[in-house]
C-alpha atoms as a PDB file:
ATOM      1  CA  MET A   1       0.094   0.121  -0.308  1.00  0.00           C
ATOM      2  CA  VAL A   2       1.798   3.276  -0.880  1.00  0.00           C
ATOM      3  CA  LEU A   3       0.820   6.749   0.017  1.00  0.00           C
ATOM      4  CA  SER A   4       1.013   9.022  -2.560  1.00  0.00           C
ATOM      5  CA  LYS A   5       2.603  12.078  -1.839  1.00  0.00           C
ATOM      6  CA  PRO A   6      -0.753  14.396  -2.263  1.00  0.00           C
ATOM      7  CA  LEU A   7      -2.404  11.699  -0.702  1.00  0.00           C
ATOM      8  CA  ILE A   8      -0.471  11.703   2.299  1.00  0.00           C
ATOM      9  CA  LEU A   9      -0.010  15.793   2.393  1.00  0.00           C
ATOM     10  CA  ALA A  10      -4.572  16.107   2.359  1.00  0.00           C
ATOM     11  CA  LEU A  11      -4.266  13.790   4.864  1.00  0.00           C
ATOM     12  CA  LEU A  12      -1.934  15.511   7.744  1.00  0.00           C
ATOM     13  CA  ALA A  13      -3.722  18.795   6.110  1.00  0.00           C
ATOM     14  CA  SER A  14      -6.591  17.023   7.321  1.00  0.00           C
ATOM     15  CA  ILE A  15      -5.183  15.978  10.409  1.00  0.00           C
ATOM     16  CA  SER A  16      -3.856  19.360  11.311  1.00  0.00           C
ATOM     17  CA  LEU A  17      -7.112  21.370  10.611  1.00  0.00           C
ATOM     18  CA  ASN A  18      -9.330  18.314  12.749  1.00  0.00           C
ATOM     19  CA  LEU A  19      -6.499  19.617  15.645  1.00  0.00           C
ATOM     20  CA  ILE A  20      -7.135  23.538  14.982  1.00  0.00           C
ATOM     21  CA  PHE A  21     -10.758  22.469  15.138  1.00  0.00           C
ATOM     22  CA  GLY A  22     -10.792  20.703  18.038  1.00  0.00           C
ATOM     23  CA  TYR A  23      -8.677  23.313  19.747  1.00  0.00           C
ATOM     24  CA  LEU A  24     -10.874  25.794  19.252  1.00  0.00           C
ATOM     25  CA  SER A  25     -14.029  24.142  20.321  1.00  0.00           C
ATOM     26  CA  TYR A  26     -11.981  23.569  23.285  1.00  0.00           C
ATOM     27  CA  SER A  27     -11.024  27.274  23.783  1.00  0.00           C
ATOM     28  CA  PHE A  28     -14.327  28.669  22.843  1.00  0.00           C
ATOM     29  CA  TYR A  29     -16.569  26.093  25.205  1.00  0.00           C
ATOM     30  CA  SER A  30     -14.418  27.075  28.172  1.00  0.00           C
ATOM     31  CA  ASP A  31     -14.363  30.432  28.017  1.00  0.00           C
ATOM     32  CA  LYS A  32     -18.764  30.243  27.268  1.00  0.00           C
ATOM     33  CA  ALA A  33     -18.852  27.892  30.344  1.00  0.00           C
ATOM     34  CA  VAL A  34     -16.546  31.386  32.031  1.00  0.00           C
ATOM     35  CA  ALA A  35     -18.808  33.551  30.434  1.00  0.00           C
ATOM     36  CA  GLU A  36     -21.847  32.052  32.117  1.00  0.00           C
ATOM     37  CA  SER A  37     -20.542  31.853  34.905  1.00  0.00           C
ATOM     38  CA  GLN A  38     -20.082  35.441  35.275  1.00  0.00           C
ATOM     39  CA  LEU A  39     -23.048  36.116  33.806  1.00  0.00           C
ATOM     40  CA  GLU A  40     -24.719  34.187  36.511  1.00  0.00           C
ATOM     41  CA  ALA A  41     -22.091  36.273  39.301  1.00  0.00           C
ATOM     42  CA  ALA A  42     -23.984  39.646  38.076  1.00  0.00           C
ATOM     43  CA  VAL A  43     -27.492  38.397  37.555  1.00  0.00           C
ATOM     44  CA  ASP A  44     -26.894  37.336  41.652  1.00  0.00           C
ATOM     45  CA  ALA A  45     -25.203  40.456  42.800  1.00  0.00           C
ATOM     46  CA  ASN A  46     -28.279  42.638  40.204  1.00  0.00           C
ATOM     47  CA  LYS A  47     -30.255  41.115  42.427  1.00  0.00           C
ATOM     48  CA  GLY A  48     -28.700  41.686  45.740  1.00  0.00           C
ATOM     49  CA  LEU A  49     -28.036  45.070  44.880  1.00  0.00           C
ATOM     50  CA  GLN A  50     -32.078  45.027  43.626  1.00  0.00           C
ATOM     51  CA  GLN A  51     -33.437  44.073  47.587  1.00  0.00           C
ATOM     52  CA  SER A  52     -30.486  46.154  49.061  1.00  0.00           C
ATOM     53  CA  LEU A  53     -32.180  49.508  46.994  1.00  0.00           C
ATOM     54  CA  ASP A  54     -35.914  47.729  47.441  1.00  0.00           C
ATOM     55  CA  LYS A  55     -34.936  47.758  51.940  1.00  0.00           C
ATOM     56  CA  LYS A  56     -33.055  51.004  52.028  1.00  0.00           C
ATOM     57  CA  ASP A  57     -36.351  52.550  50.056  1.00  0.00           C
ATOM     58  CA  THR A  58     -38.248  50.921  52.525  1.00  0.00           C
ATOM     59  CA  ALA A  59     -36.363  52.616  55.596  1.00  0.00           C
ATOM     60  CA  CYS A  60     -36.689  56.398  54.020  1.00  0.00           C
ATOM     61  CA  LEU A  61     -40.396  55.594  53.772  1.00  0.00           C
ATOM     62  CA  ALA A  62     -40.520  54.525  57.651  1.00  0.00           C
ATOM     63  CA  THR A  63     -37.716  57.664  58.525  1.00  0.00           C
ATOM     64  CA  ASP A  64     -39.869  59.736  56.423  1.00  0.00           C
ATOM     65  CA  GLU A  65     -42.879  58.898  58.040  1.00  0.00           C
ATOM     66  CA  ASN A  66     -41.109  59.104  62.017  1.00  0.00           C
ATOM     67  CA  VAL A  67     -40.285  62.768  60.818  1.00  0.00           C
ATOM     68  CA  ALA A  68     -43.304  63.710  59.740  1.00  0.00           C
ATOM     69  CA  GLY A  69     -45.332  62.145  62.606  1.00  0.00           C
ATOM     70  CA  TYR A  70     -42.560  64.465  64.706  1.00  0.00           C
ATOM     71  CA  ILE A  71     -43.289  67.410  63.196  1.00  0.00           C
ATOM     72  CA  LYS A  72     -46.382  66.762  63.041  1.00  0.00           C
ATOM     73  CA  GLU A  73     -46.175  66.178  67.272  1.00  0.00           C
ATOM     74  CA  LYS A  74     -44.044  69.225  67.953  1.00  0.00           C
ATOM     75  CA  GLN A  75     -46.915  71.459  66.460  1.00  0.00           C
ATOM     76  CA  GLU A  76     -49.280  70.361  68.576  1.00  0.00           C
ATOM     77  CA  LEU A  77     -47.489  70.796  71.724  1.00  0.00           C
ATOM     78  CA  VAL A  78     -46.577  73.734  70.303  1.00  0.00           C
ATOM     79  CA  LYS A  79     -50.296  74.882  69.704  1.00  0.00           C
ATOM     80  CA  GLU A  80     -51.045  73.265  73.073  1.00  0.00           C
ATOM     81  CA  THR A  81     -48.421  75.250  74.880  1.00  0.00           C
ATOM     82  CA  ASP A  82     -49.697  77.638  73.416  1.00  0.00           C
ATOM     83  CA  GLY A  83     -53.116  77.720  74.805  1.00  0.00           C
ATOM     84  CA  VAL A  84     -52.197  77.309  78.100  1.00  0.00           C
ATOM     85  CA  LEU A  85     -49.987  80.329  78.253  1.00  0.00           C
ATOM     86  CA  SER A  86     -53.313  82.567  76.567  1.00  0.00           C
ATOM     87  CA  GLY A  87     -54.546  80.613  79.488  1.00  0.00           C
ATOM     88  CA  ILE A  88     -51.876  82.092  82.095  1.00  0.00           C
ATOM     89  CA  ASP A  89     -51.841  85.720  80.292  1.00  0.00           C
ATOM     90  CA  LYS A  90     -55.557  85.920  81.110  1.00  0.00           C
ATOM     91  CA  LEU A  91     -55.182  85.122  84.755  1.00  0.00           C
ATOM     92  CA  PRO A  92     -56.516  88.299  86.611  1.00  0.00           C
ATOM     93  CA  SER A  93     -54.208  89.168  88.415  1.00  0.00           C
ATOM     94  CA  LEU A  94     -53.233  90.007  92.679  1.00  0.00           C
ATOM     95  CA  SER A  95     -53.752  92.937  93.431  1.00  0.00           C
ATOM     96  CA  ILE A  96     -51.362  95.059  94.942  1.00  0.00           C
ATOM     97  CA  GLN A  97     -51.648  96.349  98.340  1.00  0.00           C
ATOM     98  CA  VAL A  98     -51.185 100.820  98.518  1.00  0.00           C
ATOM     99  CA  GLU A  99     -50.275 101.938 101.545  1.00  0.00           C
ATOM    100  CA  SER A 100     -50.737 105.702 101.413  1.00  0.00           C
ATOM    101  CA  LYS A 101     -49.496 108.651 103.624  1.00  0.00           C
ATOM    102  CA  PRO A 102     -51.574 110.281 105.808  1.00  0.00           C
ATOM    103  CA  LYS A 103     -52.757 113.801 103.841  1.00  0.00           C
ATOM    104  CA  ARG A 104     -51.421 115.863 105.094  1.00  0.00           C
ATOM    105  CA  GLN A 105     -48.549 116.218 103.571  1.00  0.00           C
ATOM    106  CA  GLU A 106     -48.473 118.616 100.674  1.00  0.00           C
ATOM    107  CA  ASN A 107     -47.051 116.041  98.486  1.00  0.00           C
ATOM    108  CA  VAL A 108     -49.112 112.587  98.191  1.00  0.00           C
ATOM    109  CA  LYS A 109     -47.743 110.005  97.441  1.00  0.00           C
ATOM    110  CA  GLU A 110     -48.366 106.513  96.676  1.00  0.00           C
ATOM    111  CA  GLN A 111     -45.914 103.347  97.540  1.00  0.00           C
ATOM    112  CA  THR A 112     -46.060 100.309  96.174  1.00  0.00           C
ATOM    113  CA  LYS A 113     -45.064  97.486  98.572  1.00  0.00           C
ATOM    114  CA  ASP A 114     -44.629  94.395  97.598  1.00  0.00           C
ATOM    115  CA  THR A 115     -45.454  91.302  99.571  1.00  0.00           C
ATOM    116  CA  PRO A 116     -43.239  88.606 100.058  1.00  0.00           C
ATOM    117  CA  VAL A 117     -44.650  85.397  99.116  1.00  0.00           C
ATOM    118  CA  SER A 118     -43.857  81.687 100.684  1.00  0.00           C
ATOM    119  CA  LEU A 119     -43.329  79.440  98.778  1.00  0.00           C
ATOM    120  CA  ASP A 120     -45.138  76.997 101.103  1.00  0.00           C
ATOM    121  CA  ALA A 121     -48.511  79.287 100.121  1.00  0.00           C
ATOM    122  CA  LYS A 122     -51.243  77.707  98.371  1.00  0.00           C
ATOM    123  CA  LEU A 123     -51.748  78.023  95.258  1.00  0.00           C
ATOM    124  CA  GLY A 124     -54.428  80.699  93.610  1.00  0.00           C
ATOM    125  CA  ASP A 125     -58.407  78.649  92.332  1.00  0.00           C
ATOM    126  CA  ASP A 126     -57.392  79.836  88.681  1.00  0.00           C
ATOM    127  CA  ILE A 127     -53.937  78.656  88.058  1.00  0.00           C
ATOM    128  CA  LYS A 128     -54.740  75.428  89.527  1.00  0.00           C
ATOM    129  CA  ARG A 129     -57.383  74.775  87.180  1.00  0.00           C
ATOM    130  CA  VAL A 130     -54.644  76.314  84.387  1.00  0.00           C
ATOM    131  CA  LEU A 131     -52.579  73.908  85.667  1.00  0.00           C
ATOM    132  CA  SER A 132     -54.912  70.237  86.342  1.00  0.00           C
ATOM    133  CA  GLN A 133     -56.409  71.190  81.964  1.00  0.00           C
ATOM    134  CA  SER A 134     -52.705  71.104  80.965  1.00  0.00           C
ATOM    135  CA  CYS A 135     -51.688  68.457  82.759  1.00  0.00           C
ATOM    136  CA  HIS A 136     -55.092  66.260  81.642  1.00  0.00           C
ATOM    137  CA  SER A 137     -53.906  67.255  78.131  1.00  0.00           C
ATOM    138  CA  ALA A 138     -50.121  65.994  78.389  1.00  0.00           C
ATOM    139  CA  LYS A 139     -52.068  62.500  79.743  1.00  0.00           C
ATOM    140  CA  GLY A 140     -50.549  62.843  82.792  1.00  0.00           C
ATOM    141  CA  ASN A 141     -50.348  61.182  86.716  1.00  0.00           C
ATOM    142  CA  ASN A 142     -52.148  63.179  89.125  1.00  0.00           C
ATOM    143  CA  CYS A 143     -53.673  66.145  87.424  1.00  0.00           C
ATOM    144  CA  ASP A 144     -55.411  67.510  90.367  1.00  0.00           C
ATOM    145  CA  TYR A 145     -53.804  69.660  92.465  1.00  0.00           C
ATOM    146  CA  PRO A 146     -55.208  70.921  96.698  1.00  0.00           C
END
């Protein structure tokens, strides 16, 4: 069995082409496998980022609701405080005792004398009422003042 030179060359060319195509096929298959694993990792990372973004949005909404509630409570407290202050302002003031010098003198001058108030003195009824209303509006305990 004698093989001719062109046949041997054709056989060698076929073997070399088969080896080249085999190598390229193996190389492309490994590149494809790497690309698929990277794609899978990117998809997983994307899902993680999406979950993180959803959690952040939920936390921001909760924070916004808390801040809005705080602002509303603060405004209500300011209104209540203003109401209590205006109630205190409307209280009648205590009359100041006035001492006058005898009218025998030519220049009669009236002098007012501030009487010291004891810290243990009882509160007036108007002040007790204002304090009790303020305490009840703040939902406090022991709001009745003796």
